């Protein structure tokens, strides 16, 4: 479950982040963990990384959600809502 929640959090925030560090700070994970997750999402085809052409820091990338990434985000969001609803009903 935790991996799905982390993946969903990354997919939700991917297009608004400036750096991996800012995403790590926002989500409460290490930069190394976020880097690992981003590479895995790229390998799965859920996101793509485009370098900033006019950026002085060539190590910065803009991460973009692919169509597959959008569909995965919807799937994970549905699972999350179902899980939270079940947890609520148990109360």
PDB file of N, CA and C in Angstrom:
ATOM      1  N   UNK A   1       0.812  -1.204   0.000  1.00  0.00           N
ATOM      2  CA  UNK A   1       0.000   0.000   0.000  1.00  0.00           C
ATOM      3  C   UNK A   1       0.855   1.267   0.000  1.00  0.00           C
ATOM      4  N   UNK A   2       1.931   1.263   0.780  1.00  0.00           N
ATOM      5  CA  UNK A   2       2.743   2.466   0.895  1.00  0.00           C
ATOM      6  C   UNK A   2       3.349   2.866  -0.448  1.00  0.00           C
ATOM      7  N   UNK A   3       3.772   1.894  -1.245  1.00  0.00           N
ATOM      8  CA  UNK A   3       4.336   2.209  -2.558  1.00  0.00           C
ATOM      9  C   UNK A   3       3.300   2.851  -3.461  1.00  0.00           C
ATOM     10  N   UNK A   4       2.055   2.343  -3.412  1.00  0.00           N
ATOM     11  CA  UNK A   4       0.994   2.940  -4.227  1.00  0.00           C
ATOM     12  C   UNK A   4       0.721   4.372  -3.784  1.00  0.00           C
ATOM     13  N   UNK A   5       0.720   4.604  -2.479  1.00  0.00           N
ATOM     14  CA  UNK A   5       0.466   5.953  -1.977  1.00  0.00           C
ATOM     15  C   UNK A   5       1.591   6.910  -2.365  1.00  0.00           C
ATOM     16  N   UNK A   6       2.830   6.434  -2.298  1.00  0.00           N
ATOM     17  CA  UNK A   6       3.961   7.268  -2.713  1.00  0.00           C
ATOM     18  C   UNK A   6       3.890   7.555  -4.209  1.00  0.00           C
ATOM     19  N   UNK A   7       3.595   6.530  -4.997  1.00  0.00           N
ATOM     20  CA  UNK A   7       3.466   6.715  -6.445  1.00  0.00           C
ATOM     21  C   UNK A   7       2.375   7.723  -6.758  1.00  0.00           C
ATOM     22  N   UNK A   8       1.223   7.595  -6.101  1.00  0.00           N
ATOM     23  CA  UNK A   8       0.122   8.528  -6.321  1.00  0.00           C
ATOM     24  C   UNK A   8       0.529   9.946  -5.924  1.00  0.00           C
ATOM     25  N   UNK A   9       1.207  10.089  -4.802  1.00  0.00           N
ATOM     26  CA  UNK A   9       1.655  11.419  -4.367  1.00  0.00           C
ATOM     27  C   UNK A   9       2.600  12.046  -5.385  1.00  0.00           C
ATOM     28  N   UNK A  10       3.516  11.246  -5.904  1.00  0.00           N
ATOM     29  CA  UNK A  10       4.452  11.757  -6.909  1.00  0.00           C
ATOM     30  C   UNK A  10       3.697  12.138  -8.178  1.00  0.00           C
ATOM     31  N   UNK A  11       2.789  11.276  -8.636  1.00  0.00           N
ATOM     32  CA  UNK A  11       2.038  11.570  -9.861  1.00  0.00           C
ATOM     33  C   UNK A  11       1.168  12.813  -9.697  1.00  0.00           C
ATOM     34  N   UNK A  12       0.627  13.025  -8.504  1.00  0.00           N
ATOM     35  CA  UNK A  12      -0.201  14.208  -8.259  1.00  0.00           C
ATOM     36  C   UNK A  12       0.616  15.497  -8.310  1.00  0.00           C
ATOM     37  N   UNK A  13       1.861  15.422  -7.874  1.00  0.00           N
ATOM     38  CA  UNK A  13       2.686  16.629  -7.731  1.00  0.00           C
ATOM     39  C   UNK A  13       3.730  16.803  -8.822  1.00  0.00           C
ATOM     40  N   UNK A  14       3.822  15.872  -9.740  1.00  0.00           N
ATOM     41  CA  UNK A  14       4.946  15.807 -10.672  1.00  0.00           C
ATOM     42  C   UNK A  14       5.085  17.042 -11.560  1.00  0.00           C
ATOM     43  N   UNK A  15       3.992  17.616 -11.988  1.00  0.00           N
ATOM     44  CA  UNK A  15       4.080  18.715 -12.946  1.00  0.00           C
ATOM     45  C   UNK A  15       4.239  20.081 -12.285  1.00  0.00           C
ATOM     46  N   UNK A  16       4.143  20.124 -10.958  1.00  0.00           N
ATOM     47  CA  UNK A  16       4.256  21.413 -10.275  1.00  0.00           C
ATOM     48  C   UNK A  16       5.577  21.582  -9.546  1.00  0.00           C
ATOM     49  N   UNK A  17       6.392  20.538  -9.484  1.00  0.00           N
ATOM     50  CA  UNK A  17       7.642  20.630  -8.729  1.00  0.00           C
ATOM     51  C   UNK A  17       8.722  21.330  -9.537  1.00  0.00           C
ATOM     52  N   UNK A  18       9.637  21.952  -8.830  1.00  0.00           N
ATOM     53  CA  UNK A  18      10.781  22.589  -9.473  1.00  0.00           C
ATOM     54  C   UNK A  18      12.005  21.684  -9.433  1.00  0.00           C
ATOM     55  N   UNK A  19      12.178  20.975  -8.316  1.00  0.00           N
ATOM     56  CA  UNK A  19      13.342  20.105  -8.155  1.00  0.00           C
ATOM     57  C   UNK A  19      12.929  18.838  -7.415  1.00  0.00           C
ATOM     58  N   UNK A  20      13.784  17.823  -7.501  1.00  0.00           N
ATOM     59  CA  UNK A  20      13.541  16.605  -6.739  1.00  0.00           C
ATOM     60  C   UNK A  20      13.578  16.911  -5.242  1.00  0.00           C
ATOM     61  N   UNK A  21      14.446  17.829  -4.841  1.00  0.00           N
ATOM     62  CA  UNK A  21      14.531  18.191  -3.427  1.00  0.00           C
ATOM     63  C   UNK A  21      13.232  18.812  -2.942  1.00  0.00           C
ATOM     64  N   UNK A  22      12.640  19.689  -3.736  1.00  0.00           N
ATOM     65  CA  UNK A  22      11.383  20.309  -3.310  1.00  0.00           C
ATOM     66  C   UNK A  22      10.269  19.271  -3.214  1.00  0.00           C
ATOM     67  N   UNK A  23      10.255  18.300  -4.122  1.00  0.00           N
ATOM     68  CA  UNK A  23       9.261  17.229  -4.045  1.00  0.00           C
ATOM     69  C   UNK A  23       9.516  16.368  -2.811  1.00  0.00           C
ATOM     70  N   UNK A  24      10.779  16.045  -2.551  1.00  0.00           N
ATOM     71  CA  UNK A  24      11.131  15.247  -1.374  1.00  0.00           C
ATOM     72  C   UNK A  24      10.709  15.964  -0.091  1.00  0.00           C
ATOM     73  N   UNK A  25      10.977  17.256  -0.015  1.00  0.00           N
ATOM     74  CA  UNK A  25      10.593  18.030   1.166  1.00  0.00           C
ATOM     75  C   UNK A  25       9.082  18.056   1.336  1.00  0.00           C
ATOM     76  N   UNK A  26       8.369  18.252   0.244  1.00  0.00           N
ATOM     77  CA  UNK A  26       6.909  18.336   0.305  1.00  0.00           C
ATOM     78  C   UNK A  26       6.283  17.013   0.743  1.00  0.00           C
ATOM     79  N   UNK A  27       6.836  15.898   0.267  1.00  0.00           N
ATOM     80  CA  UNK A  27       6.256  14.588   0.563  1.00  0.00           C
ATOM     81  C   UNK A  27       6.859  13.927   1.799  1.00  0.00           C
ATOM     82  N   UNK A  28       7.967  14.463   2.300  1.00  0.00           N
ATOM     83  CA  UNK A  28       8.574  13.917   3.504  1.00  0.00           C
ATOM     84  C   UNK A  28       9.444  12.692   3.280  1.00  0.00           C
ATOM     85  N   UNK A  29      10.074  12.604   2.120  1.00  0.00           N
ATOM     86  CA  UNK A  29      10.976  11.501   1.789  1.00  0.00           C
ATOM     87  C   UNK A  29      12.349  12.065   1.460  1.00  0.00           C
ATOM     88  N   UNK A  30      13.341  11.176   1.431  1.00  0.00           N
ATOM     89  CA  UNK A  30      14.687  11.607   1.054  1.00  0.00           C
ATOM     90  C   UNK A  30      14.745  11.868  -0.451  1.00  0.00           C
ATOM     91  N   UNK A  31      15.705  12.668  -0.858  1.00  0.00           N
ATOM     92  CA  UNK A  31      15.902  12.944  -2.282  1.00  0.00           C
ATOM     93  C   UNK A  31      16.243  11.648  -3.016  1.00  0.00           C
ATOM     94  N   UNK A  32      17.026  10.782  -2.381  1.00  0.00           N
ATOM     95  CA  UNK A  32      17.381   9.497  -2.988  1.00  0.00           C
ATOM     96  C   UNK A  32      16.163   8.637  -3.274  1.00  0.00           C
ATOM     97  N   UNK A  33      15.219   8.602  -2.339  1.00  0.00           N
ATOM     98  CA  UNK A  33      13.982   7.822  -2.522  1.00  0.00           C
ATOM     99  C   UNK A  33      13.167   8.408  -3.674  1.00  0.00           C
ATOM    100  N   UNK A  34      13.041   9.716  -3.719  1.00  0.00           N
ATOM    101  CA  UNK A  34      12.285  10.370  -4.791  1.00  0.00           C
ATOM    102  C   UNK A  34      12.960  10.125  -6.130  1.00  0.00           C
ATOM    103  N   UNK A  35      14.281  10.203  -6.178  1.00  0.00           N
ATOM    104  CA  UNK A  35      15.017   9.934  -7.408  1.00  0.00           C
ATOM    105  C   UNK A  35      14.749   8.512  -7.881  1.00  0.00           C
ATOM    106  N   UNK A  36      14.772   7.558  -6.965  1.00  0.00           N
ATOM    107  CA  UNK A  36      14.508   6.151  -7.283  1.00  0.00           C
ATOM    108  C   UNK A  36      13.097   5.981  -7.855  1.00  0.00           C
ATOM    109  N   UNK A  37      12.115   6.616  -7.218  1.00  0.00           N
ATOM    110  CA  UNK A  37      10.723   6.516  -7.673  1.00  0.00           C
ATOM    111  C   UNK A  37      10.566   7.162  -9.045  1.00  0.00           C
ATOM    112  N   UNK A  38      11.162   8.322  -9.250  1.00  0.00           N
ATOM    113  CA  UNK A  38      11.058   8.999 -10.546  1.00  0.00           C
ATOM    114  C   UNK A  38      11.665   8.155 -11.663  1.00  0.00           C
ATOM    115  N   UNK A  39      12.826   7.558 -11.406  1.00  0.00           N
ATOM    116  CA  UNK A  39      13.442   6.690 -12.414  1.00  0.00           C
ATOM    117  C   UNK A  39      12.555   5.495 -12.724  1.00  0.00           C
ATOM    118  N   UNK A  40      11.931   4.917 -11.694  1.00  0.00           N
ATOM    119  CA  UNK A  40      11.031   3.779 -11.904  1.00  0.00           C
ATOM    120  C   UNK A  40       9.814   4.198 -12.726  1.00  0.00           C
ATOM    121  N   UNK A  41       9.271   5.379 -12.455  1.00  0.00           N
ATOM    122  CA  UNK A  41       8.109   5.865 -13.206  1.00  0.00           C
ATOM    123  C   UNK A  41       8.473   6.163 -14.658  1.00  0.00           C
ATOM    124  N   UNK A  42       9.682   6.649 -14.879  1.00  0.00           N
ATOM    125  CA  UNK A  42      10.155   6.876 -16.252  1.00  0.00           C
ATOM    126  C   UNK A  42      10.295   5.540 -16.970  1.00  0.00           C
ATOM    127  N   UNK A  43      10.892   4.551 -16.287  1.00  0.00           N
ATOM    128  CA  UNK A  43      11.067   3.220 -16.885  1.00  0.00           C
ATOM    129  C   UNK A  43       9.731   2.573 -17.235  1.00  0.00           C
ATOM    130  N   UNK A  44       8.698   2.841 -16.422  1.00  0.00           N
ATOM    131  CA  UNK A  44       7.365   2.280 -16.679  1.00  0.00           C
ATOM    132  C   UNK A  44       6.609   3.073 -17.748  1.00  0.00           C
ATOM    133  N   UNK A  45       7.145   4.218 -18.134  1.00  0.00           N
ATOM    134  CA  UNK A  45       6.488   5.047 -19.140  1.00  0.00           C
ATOM    135  C   UNK A  45       5.380   5.919 -18.586  1.00  0.00           C
ATOM    136  N   UNK A  46       5.351   6.116 -17.270  1.00  0.00           N
ATOM    137  CA  UNK A  46       4.295   6.913 -16.658  1.00  0.00           C
ATOM    138  C   UNK A  46       4.612   8.403 -16.659  1.00  0.00           C
ATOM    139  N   UNK A  47       5.895   8.725 -16.677  1.00  0.00           N
ATOM    140  CA  UNK A  47       6.321  10.116 -16.796  1.00  0.00           C
ATOM    141  C   UNK A  47       7.494  10.174 -17.763  1.00  0.00           C
ATOM    142  N   UNK A  48       7.756  11.377 -18.245  1.00  0.00           N
ATOM    143  CA  UNK A  48       8.959  11.583 -19.049  1.00  0.00           C
ATOM    144  C   UNK A  48       9.655  12.828 -18.521  1.00  0.00           C
ATOM    145  N   UNK A  49      10.959  12.851 -18.700  1.00  0.00           N
ATOM    146  CA  UNK A  49      11.764  13.969 -18.217  1.00  0.00           C
ATOM    147  C   UNK A  49      12.299  14.739 -19.407  1.00  0.00           C
ATOM    148  N   UNK A  50      12.033  16.026 -19.426  1.00  0.00           N
ATOM    149  CA  UNK A  50      12.564  16.919 -20.455  1.00  0.00           C
ATOM    150  C   UNK A  50      13.502  17.902 -19.783  1.00  0.00           C
ATOM    151  N   UNK A  51      14.696  18.050 -20.324  1.00  0.00           N
ATOM    152  CA  UNK A  51      15.629  19.018 -19.743  1.00  0.00           C
ATOM    153  C   UNK A  51      15.215  20.421 -20.162  1.00  0.00           C
ATOM    154  N   UNK A  52      15.510  21.355 -19.297  1.00  0.00           N
ATOM    155  CA  UNK A  52      15.254  22.752 -19.620  1.00  0.00           C
ATOM    156  C   UNK A  52      16.321  23.209 -20.596  1.00  0.00           C
ATOM    157  N   UNK A  53      15.956  23.517 -21.805  1.00  0.00           N
ATOM    158  CA  UNK A  53      16.924  23.886 -22.835  1.00  0.00           C
ATOM    159  C   UNK A  53      17.660  25.166 -22.464  1.00  0.00           C
ATOM    160  N   UNK A  54      16.953  26.150 -21.968  1.00  0.00           N
ATOM    161  CA  UNK A  54      17.577  27.435 -21.666  1.00  0.00           C
ATOM    162  C   UNK A  54      18.040  27.538 -20.217  1.00  0.00           C
ATOM    163  N   UNK A  55      17.981  26.442 -19.491  1.00  0.00           N
ATOM    164  CA  UNK A  55      18.367  26.458 -18.090  1.00  0.00           C
ATOM    165  C   UNK A  55      19.885  26.400 -17.948  1.00  0.00           C
ATOM    166  N   UNK A  56      20.430  27.224 -17.086  1.00  0.00           N
ATOM    167  CA  UNK A  56      21.874  27.205 -16.837  1.00  0.00           C
ATOM    168  C   UNK A  56      22.290  25.926 -16.118  1.00  0.00           C
ATOM    169  N   UNK A  57      21.390  25.382 -15.307  1.00  0.00           N
ATOM    170  CA  UNK A  57      21.678  24.148 -14.583  1.00  0.00           C
ATOM    171  C   UNK A  57      21.132  22.984 -15.399  1.00  0.00           C
ATOM    172  N   UNK A  58      21.985  22.363 -16.171  1.00  0.00           N
ATOM    173  CA  UNK A  58      21.549  21.302 -17.091  1.00  0.00           C
ATOM    174  C   UNK A  58      21.084  20.043 -16.367  1.00  0.00           C
ATOM    175  N   UNK A  59      21.254  19.994 -15.037  1.00  0.00           N
ATOM    176  CA  UNK A  59      20.809  18.836 -14.277  1.00  0.00           C
ATOM    177  C   UNK A  59      19.338  18.925 -13.883  1.00  0.00           C
ATOM    178  N   UNK A  60      18.679  20.022 -14.171  1.00  0.00           N
ATOM    179  CA  UNK A  60      17.268  20.155 -13.838  1.00  0.00           C
ATOM    180  C   UNK A  60      16.409  19.672 -14.993  1.00  0.00           C
ATOM    181  N   UNK A  61      15.321  19.008 -14.636  1.00  0.00           N
ATOM    182  CA  UNK A  61      14.397  18.475 -15.624  1.00  0.00           C
ATOM    183  C   UNK A  61      12.985  18.911 -15.303  1.00  0.00           C
ATOM    184  N   UNK A  62      12.166  18.957 -16.324  1.00  0.00           N
ATOM    185  CA  UNK A  62      10.731  19.144 -16.163  1.00  0.00           C
ATOM    186  C   UNK A  62      10.109  17.781 -16.363  1.00  0.00           C
ATOM    187  N   UNK A  63       9.373  17.308 -15.383  1.00  0.00           N
ATOM    188  CA  UNK A  63       8.739  16.000 -15.470  1.00  0.00           C
ATOM    189  C   UNK A  63       7.314  16.169 -15.972  1.00  0.00           C
ATOM    190  N   UNK A  64       6.963  15.369 -16.962  1.00  0.00           N
ATOM    191  CA  UNK A  64       5.650  15.447 -17.589  1.00  0.00           C
ATOM    192  C   UNK A  64       4.932  14.114 -17.468  1.00  0.00           C
ATOM    193  N   UNK A  65       3.659  14.175 -17.154  1.00  0.00           N
ATOM    194  CA  UNK A  65       2.826  12.985 -17.056  1.00  0.00           C
ATOM    195  C   UNK A  65       2.473  12.513 -18.460  1.00  0.00           C
ATOM    196  N   UNK A  66       2.668  11.223 -18.728  1.00  0.00           N
ATOM    197  CA  UNK A  66       2.276  10.657 -20.019  1.00  0.00           C
ATOM    198  C   UNK A  66       0.813  10.224 -19.945  1.00  0.00           C
ATOM    199  N   UNK A  67       0.249   9.809 -21.069  1.00  0.00           N
ATOM    200  CA  UNK A  67      -1.124   9.302 -21.073  1.00  0.00           C
ATOM    201  C   UNK A  67      -1.243   8.100 -20.139  1.00  0.00           C
ATOM    202  N   UNK A  68      -0.247   7.211 -20.175  1.00  0.00           N
ATOM    203  CA  UNK A  68      -0.247   6.046 -19.285  1.00  0.00           C
ATOM    204  C   UNK A  68      -0.155   6.487 -17.827  1.00  0.00           C
ATOM    205  N   UNK A  69       0.617   7.526 -17.581  1.00  0.00           N
ATOM    206  CA  UNK A  69       0.742   8.067 -16.230  1.00  0.00           C
ATOM    207  C   UNK A  69      -0.563   8.655 -15.737  1.00  0.00           C
ATOM    208  N   UNK A  70      -1.269   9.341 -16.617  1.00  0.00           N
ATOM    209  CA  UNK A  70      -2.570   9.901 -16.260  1.00  0.00           C
ATOM    210  C   UNK A  70      -3.549   8.789 -15.911  1.00  0.00           C
ATOM    211  N   UNK A  71      -3.553   7.722 -16.717  1.00  0.00           N
ATOM    212  CA  UNK A  71      -4.443   6.590 -16.449  1.00  0.00           C
ATOM    213  C   UNK A  71      -4.084   5.901 -15.138  1.00  0.00           C
ATOM    214  N   UNK A  72      -2.789   5.756 -14.859  1.00  0.00           N
ATOM    215  CA  UNK A  72      -2.346   5.150 -13.599  1.00  0.00           C
ATOM    216  C   UNK A  72      -2.741   6.030 -12.418  1.00  0.00           C
ATOM    217  N   UNK A  73      -2.635   7.331 -12.590  1.00  0.00           N
ATOM    218  CA  UNK A  73      -3.032   8.273 -11.544  1.00  0.00           C
ATOM    219  C   UNK A  73      -4.519   8.116 -11.225  1.00  0.00           C
ATOM    220  N   UNK A  74      -5.349   7.971 -12.251  1.00  0.00           N
ATOM    221  CA  UNK A  74      -6.780   7.751 -12.040  1.00  0.00           C
ATOM    222  C   UNK A  74      -7.037   6.434 -11.317  1.00  0.00           C
ATOM    223  N   UNK A  75      -6.359   5.378 -11.744  1.00  0.00           N
ATOM    224  CA  UNK A  75      -6.527   4.062 -11.125  1.00  0.00           C
ATOM    225  C   UNK A  75      -6.136   4.103  -9.651  1.00  0.00           C
ATOM    226  N   UNK A  76      -4.988   4.683  -9.358  1.00  0.00           N
ATOM    227  CA  UNK A  76      -4.528   4.758  -7.971  1.00  0.00           C
ATOM    228  C   UNK A  76      -5.433   5.647  -7.123  1.00  0.00           C
ATOM    229  N   UNK A  77      -5.972   6.710  -7.712  1.00  0.00           N
ATOM    230  CA  UNK A  77      -6.894   7.585  -6.985  1.00  0.00           C
ATOM    231  C   UNK A  77      -8.165   6.828  -6.635  1.00  0.00           C
ATOM    232  N   UNK A  78      -8.685   6.055  -7.577  1.00  0.00           N
ATOM    233  CA  UNK A  78      -9.888   5.250  -7.301  1.00  0.00           C
ATOM    234  C   UNK A  78      -9.625   4.252  -6.174  1.00  0.00           C
ATOM    235  N   UNK A  79      -8.481   3.561  -6.228  1.00  0.00           N
ATOM    236  CA  UNK A  79      -8.128   2.600  -5.174  1.00  0.00           C
ATOM    237  C   UNK A  79      -8.021   3.299  -3.823  1.00  0.00           C
ATOM    238  N   UNK A  80      -7.422   4.479  -3.827  1.00  0.00           N
ATOM    239  CA  UNK A  80      -7.250   5.241  -2.595  1.00  0.00           C
ATOM    240  C   UNK A  80      -8.603   5.604  -1.994  1.00  0.00           C
ATOM    241  N   UNK A  81      -9.521   6.079  -2.821  1.00  0.00           N
ATOM    242  CA  UNK A  81     -10.847   6.469  -2.347  1.00  0.00           C
ATOM    243  C   UNK A  81     -11.589   5.255  -1.791  1.00  0.00           C
ATOM    244  N   UNK A  82     -11.526   4.129  -2.484  1.00  0.00           N
ATOM    245  CA  UNK A  82     -12.188   2.904  -2.015  1.00  0.00           C
ATOM    246  C   UNK A  82     -11.608   2.476  -0.667  1.00  0.00           C
ATOM    247  N   UNK A  83     -10.279   2.513  -0.545  1.00  0.00           N
ATOM    248  CA  UNK A  83      -9.617   2.114   0.697  1.00  0.00           C
ATOM    249  C   UNK A  83     -10.009   3.041   1.847  1.00  0.00           C
ATOM    250  N   UNK A  84     -10.024   4.343   1.600  1.00  0.00           N
ATOM    251  CA  UNK A  84     -10.383   5.297   2.650  1.00  0.00           C
ATOM    252  C   UNK A  84     -11.854   5.169   3.035  1.00  0.00           C
ATOM    253  N   UNK A  85     -12.707   4.894   2.068  1.00  0.00           N
ATOM    254  CA  UNK A  85     -14.127   4.695   2.356  1.00  0.00           C
ATOM    255  C   UNK A  85     -14.307   3.467   3.241  1.00  0.00           C
ATOM    256  N   UNK A  86     -13.592   2.393   2.935  1.00  0.00           N
ATOM    257  CA  UNK A  86     -13.670   1.170   3.741  1.00  0.00           C
ATOM    258  C   UNK A  86     -13.165   1.434   5.160  1.00  0.00           C
ATOM    259  N   UNK A  87     -12.076   2.191   5.283  1.00  0.00           N
ATOM    260  CA  UNK A  87     -11.552   2.533   6.605  1.00  0.00           C
ATOM    261  C   UNK A  87     -12.566   3.359   7.385  1.00  0.00           C
ATOM    262  N   UNK A  88     -13.229   4.283   6.727  1.00  0.00           N
ATOM    263  CA  UNK A  88     -14.229   5.121   7.374  1.00  0.00           C
ATOM    264  C   UNK A  88     -15.402   4.282   7.851  1.00  0.00           C
ATOM    265  N   UNK A  89     -15.838   3.350   7.015  1.00  0.00           N
ATOM    266  CA  UNK A  89     -16.984   2.516   7.373  1.00  0.00           C
ATOM    267  C   UNK A  89     -16.669   1.573   8.526  1.00  0.00           C
ATOM    268  N   UNK A  90     -15.395   1.232   8.720  1.00  0.00           N
ATOM    269  CA  UNK A  90     -15.001   0.395   9.848  1.00  0.00           C
ATOM    270  C   UNK A  90     -15.113   1.139  11.170  1.00  0.00           C
ATOM    271  N   UNK A  91     -15.062   2.456  11.115  1.00  0.00           N
ATOM    272  CA  UNK A  91     -15.184   3.257  12.340  1.00  0.00           C
ATOM    273  C   UNK A  91     -16.591   3.189  12.800  1.00  0.00           C
TER     274      UNK A  91
END
